Amino acid sequence: MQDSSKKAVLLVGQNLFFLGRIEAAAEPLGYQVRRATTEPAFRNQLDGPPPDLILVDLEGDESTWVGALEVLKERKPVSTQVIAFGPHEQVATLERARTLGCDLVLNKGEFNRDLAKILAELGSSAGK
């Protein structure tokens, strides 16, 4: 169940590996972590309270993440930041995420290194 009073991070993807890392970094900062593994599930998440941050795993099902980014072109909440991450060697995939409107696209190494900083900055800007 979603708690509309909590700040939220929404992960779009199927890989559970990153879910644990995201939860470990986000929950101590007061974020509720939600997950969408399909495009319809992503659409349902947008029907509720808007997430503060949407993380898109580019190694997941391509139709899911492309579909989610297409939905965001029409329905992106104003205050929501969208960050995609994927393998550094998949340059075309990273570039596609950029052209589909992500605010930031990182390779997995950058994402792992910067996640705590991104969440901390997001939290400090949310209070402004």
C-alpha atoms as a PDB file:
ATOM      1  CA  MET A   1       0.000   0.000   0.000  1.00  0.00           C
ATOM      2  CA  GLN A   2       1.200   3.483  -0.862  1.00  0.00           C
ATOM      3  CA  ASP A   3       1.598   6.060   1.859  1.00  0.00           C
ATOM      4  CA  SER A   4       0.743   9.382   0.223  1.00  0.00           C
ATOM      5  CA  SER A   5       2.414  11.340   3.034  1.00  0.00           C
ATOM      6  CA  LYS A   6       5.853   9.849   2.319  1.00  0.00           C
ATOM      7  CA  LYS A   7       8.258  10.920  -0.361  1.00  0.00           C
ATOM      8  CA  ALA A   8       8.475   8.241  -3.024  1.00  0.00           C
ATOM      9  CA  VAL A   9      10.969   6.710  -5.420  1.00  0.00           C
ATOM     10  CA  LEU A  10       9.549   4.614  -8.244  1.00  0.00           C
ATOM     11  CA  LEU A  11      11.785   2.015  -9.896  1.00  0.00           C
ATOM     12  CA  VAL A  12      10.815   0.915 -13.396  1.00  0.00           C
ATOM     13  CA  GLY A  13      12.415  -2.439 -14.131  1.00  0.00           C
ATOM     14  CA  GLN A  14      12.521  -6.133 -13.459  1.00  0.00           C
ATOM     15  CA  ASN A  15      15.993  -6.514 -11.922  1.00  0.00           C
ATOM     16  CA  LEU A  16      15.737  -7.079  -8.172  1.00  0.00           C
ATOM     17  CA  PHE A  17      19.476  -6.479  -7.755  1.00  0.00           C
ATOM     18  CA  PHE A  18      19.054  -2.708  -7.804  1.00  0.00           C
ATOM     19  CA  LEU A  19      15.864  -2.727  -5.748  1.00  0.00           C
ATOM     20  CA  GLY A  20      17.755  -3.651  -2.573  1.00  0.00           C
ATOM     21  CA  ARG A  21      20.395  -0.986  -3.164  1.00  0.00           C
ATOM     22  CA  ILE A  22      17.786   1.644  -3.835  1.00  0.00           C
ATOM     23  CA  GLU A  23      15.814   0.709  -0.710  1.00  0.00           C
ATOM     24  CA  ALA A  24      18.972   0.751   1.400  1.00  0.00           C
ATOM     25  CA  ALA A  25      19.819   4.267   0.209  1.00  0.00           C
ATOM     26  CA  ALA A  26      16.290   5.712   0.088  1.00  0.00           C
ATOM     27  CA  GLU A  27      14.472   4.431   3.156  1.00  0.00           C
ATOM     28  CA  PRO A  28      16.809   6.022   5.763  1.00  0.00           C
ATOM     29  CA  LEU A  29      16.114   9.363   4.038  1.00  0.00           C
ATOM     30  CA  GLY A  30      12.362   8.892   4.418  1.00  0.00           C
ATOM     31  CA  TYR A  31      11.554   7.643   0.925  1.00  0.00           C
ATOM     32  CA  GLN A  32       9.074   4.893   0.220  1.00  0.00           C
ATOM     33  CA  VAL A  33      10.354   2.745  -2.678  1.00  0.00           C
ATOM     34  CA  ARG A  34       7.775   1.519  -5.164  1.00  0.00           C
ATOM     35  CA  ARG A  35       8.306  -0.667  -8.205  1.00  0.00           C
ATOM     36  CA  ALA A  36       6.692  -1.112 -11.614  1.00  0.00           C
ATOM     37  CA  THR A  37       7.692  -4.131 -13.684  1.00  0.00           C
ATOM     38  CA  THR A  38       5.321  -3.491 -16.599  1.00  0.00           C
ATOM     39  CA  GLU A  39       4.025  -0.458 -18.456  1.00  0.00           C
ATOM     40  CA  PRO A  40       0.447  -0.940 -17.134  1.00  0.00           C
ATOM     41  CA  ALA A  41       1.828  -1.146 -13.578  1.00  0.00           C
ATOM     42  CA  PHE A  42       3.767   2.059 -14.251  1.00  0.00           C
ATOM     43  CA  ARG A  43       0.620   3.816 -15.472  1.00  0.00           C
ATOM     44  CA  ASN A  44      -1.178   2.704 -12.292  1.00  0.00           C
ATOM     45  CA  GLN A  45       1.628   4.153 -10.166  1.00  0.00           C
ATOM     46  CA  LEU A  46       1.166   7.532 -11.868  1.00  0.00           C
ATOM     47  CA  ASP A  47      -2.547   7.483 -10.987  1.00  0.00           C
ATOM     48  CA  GLY A  48      -1.619   7.715  -7.302  1.00  0.00           C
ATOM     49  CA  PRO A  49       0.500  10.266  -5.506  1.00  0.00           C
ATOM     50  CA  PRO A  50       3.318  11.344  -7.835  1.00  0.00           C
ATOM     51  CA  PRO A  51       6.769   9.973  -7.060  1.00  0.00           C
ATOM     52  CA  ASP A  52       9.538  12.437  -6.312  1.00  0.00           C
ATOM     53  CA  LEU A  53      11.976  10.391  -8.361  1.00  0.00           C
ATOM     54  CA  ILE A  54      11.526   7.821 -11.127  1.00  0.00           C
ATOM     55  CA  LEU A  55      14.466   5.488 -11.716  1.00  0.00           C
ATOM     56  CA  VAL A  56      14.463   3.601 -15.014  1.00  0.00           C
ATOM     57  CA  ASP A  57      16.547   0.436 -15.346  1.00  0.00           C
ATOM     58  CA  LEU A  58      17.593   0.262 -19.006  1.00  0.00           C
ATOM     59  CA  GLU A  59      18.547  -3.405 -18.675  1.00  0.00           C
ATOM     60  CA  GLY A  60      14.935  -4.315 -18.086  1.00  0.00           C
ATOM     61  CA  ASP A  61      12.366  -5.174 -20.709  1.00  0.00           C
ATOM     62  CA  GLU A  62      12.830  -2.545 -23.424  1.00  0.00           C
ATOM     63  CA  SER A  63       9.126  -2.252 -24.215  1.00  0.00           C
ATOM     64  CA  THR A  64       8.466  -1.502 -20.536  1.00  0.00           C
ATOM     65  CA  TRP A  65      11.027   1.257 -20.092  1.00  0.00           C
ATOM     66  CA  VAL A  66      10.385   2.803 -23.512  1.00  0.00           C
ATOM     67  CA  GLY A  67       6.639   2.680 -22.841  1.00  0.00           C
ATOM     68  CA  ALA A  68       7.122   4.281 -19.423  1.00  0.00           C
ATOM     69  CA  LEU A  69       9.218   7.102 -20.878  1.00  0.00           C
ATOM     70  CA  GLU A  70       6.638   7.652 -23.622  1.00  0.00           C
ATOM     71  CA  VAL A  71       3.899   7.907 -20.969  1.00  0.00           C
ATOM     72  CA  LEU A  72       5.996  10.470 -19.109  1.00  0.00           C
ATOM     73  CA  LYS A  73       6.121  12.711 -22.179  1.00  0.00           C
ATOM     74  CA  GLU A  74       2.398  13.303 -21.587  1.00  0.00           C
ATOM     75  CA  ARG A  75       1.960  12.700 -17.857  1.00  0.00           C
ATOM     76  CA  LYS A  76       5.197  13.610 -16.092  1.00  0.00           C
ATOM     77  CA  PRO A  77       4.484  15.269 -12.764  1.00  0.00           C
ATOM     78  CA  VAL A  78       6.185  18.670 -12.730  1.00  0.00           C
ATOM     79  CA  SER A  79       8.206  18.033  -9.587  1.00  0.00           C
ATOM     80  CA  THR A  80       9.306  14.502 -10.535  1.00  0.00           C
ATOM     81  CA  GLN A  81      12.868  13.852 -11.658  1.00  0.00           C
ATOM     82  CA  VAL A  82      13.527  10.958 -14.074  1.00  0.00           C
ATOM     83  CA  ILE A  83      16.886   9.184 -14.032  1.00  0.00           C
ATOM     84  CA  ALA A  84      17.755   6.229 -16.252  1.00  0.00           C
ATOM     85  CA  PHE A  85      20.710   3.901 -15.756  1.00  0.00           C
ATOM     86  CA  GLY A  86      22.227   1.107 -17.780  1.00  0.00           C
ATOM     87  CA  PRO A  87      25.416  -0.589 -18.949  1.00  0.00           C
ATOM     88  CA  HIS A  88      28.126   1.817 -20.095  1.00  0.00           C
ATOM     89  CA  GLU A  89      28.805  -0.245 -23.227  1.00  0.00           C
ATOM     90  CA  GLN A  90      25.208   0.163 -24.443  1.00  0.00           C
ATOM     91  CA  VAL A  91      25.767   3.671 -25.752  1.00  0.00           C
ATOM     92  CA  ALA A  92      22.762   3.598 -28.104  1.00  0.00           C
ATOM     93  CA  THR A  93      20.450   2.563 -25.258  1.00  0.00           C
ATOM     94  CA  LEU A  94      21.721   5.340 -23.002  1.00  0.00           C
ATOM     95  CA  GLU A  95      21.289   7.845 -25.817  1.00  0.00           C
ATOM     96  CA  ARG A  96      17.759   6.614 -26.517  1.00  0.00           C
ATOM     97  CA  ALA A  97      16.827   7.239 -22.899  1.00  0.00           C
ATOM     98  CA  ARG A  98      18.170  10.794 -23.257  1.00  0.00           C
ATOM     99  CA  THR A  99      16.118  11.416 -26.381  1.00  0.00           C
ATOM    100  CA  LEU A 100      13.013  10.044 -24.667  1.00  0.00           C
ATOM    101  CA  GLY A 101      13.281  12.817 -22.092  1.00  0.00           C
ATOM    102  CA  CYS A 102      15.139  11.560 -19.024  1.00  0.00           C
ATOM    103  CA  ASP A 103      16.471  14.343 -16.842  1.00  0.00           C
ATOM    104  CA  LEU A 104      19.674  12.381 -16.283  1.00  0.00           C
ATOM    105  CA  VAL A 105      21.136   9.212 -17.823  1.00  0.00           C
ATOM    106  CA  LEU A 106      23.909   7.378 -15.996  1.00  0.00           C
ATOM    107  CA  ASN A 107      25.865   4.223 -16.566  1.00  0.00           C
ATOM    108  CA  LYS A 108      25.484   1.633 -13.797  1.00  0.00           C
ATOM    109  CA  GLY A 109      28.789   2.550 -12.185  1.00  0.00           C
ATOM    110  CA  GLU A 110      27.820   6.223 -11.962  1.00  0.00           C
ATOM    111  CA  PHE A 111      24.388   5.265 -10.672  1.00  0.00           C
ATOM    112  CA  ASN A 112      25.817   3.073  -7.910  1.00  0.00           C
ATOM    113  CA  ARG A 113      28.345   5.741  -6.968  1.00  0.00           C
ATOM    114  CA  ASP A 114      25.906   8.686  -7.026  1.00  0.00           C
ATOM    115  CA  LEU A 115      22.609   7.225  -5.774  1.00  0.00           C
ATOM    116  CA  ALA A 116      22.956   8.398  -2.167  1.00  0.00           C
ATOM    117  CA  LYS A 117      24.007  11.871  -3.331  1.00  0.00           C
ATOM    118  CA  ILE A 118      21.074  12.075  -5.790  1.00  0.00           C
ATOM    119  CA  LEU A 119      18.603  11.112  -3.059  1.00  0.00           C
ATOM    120  CA  ALA A 120      20.107  13.535  -0.556  1.00  0.00           C
ATOM    121  CA  GLU A 121      19.980  16.404  -3.079  1.00  0.00           C
ATOM    122  CA  LEU A 122      16.428  15.509  -4.042  1.00  0.00           C
ATOM    123  CA  GLY A 123      15.425  15.505  -0.392  1.00  0.00           C
ATOM    124  CA  SER A 124      16.987  18.899   0.269  1.00  0.00           C
ATOM    125  CA  SER A 125      15.359  20.440  -2.827  1.00  0.00           C
ATOM    126  CA  ALA A 126      11.958  18.933  -1.933  1.00  0.00           C
ATOM    127  CA  GLY A 127      11.889  20.970   1.225  1.00  0.00           C
ATOM    128  CA  LYS A 128      12.358  24.261  -0.654  1.00  0.00           C
END
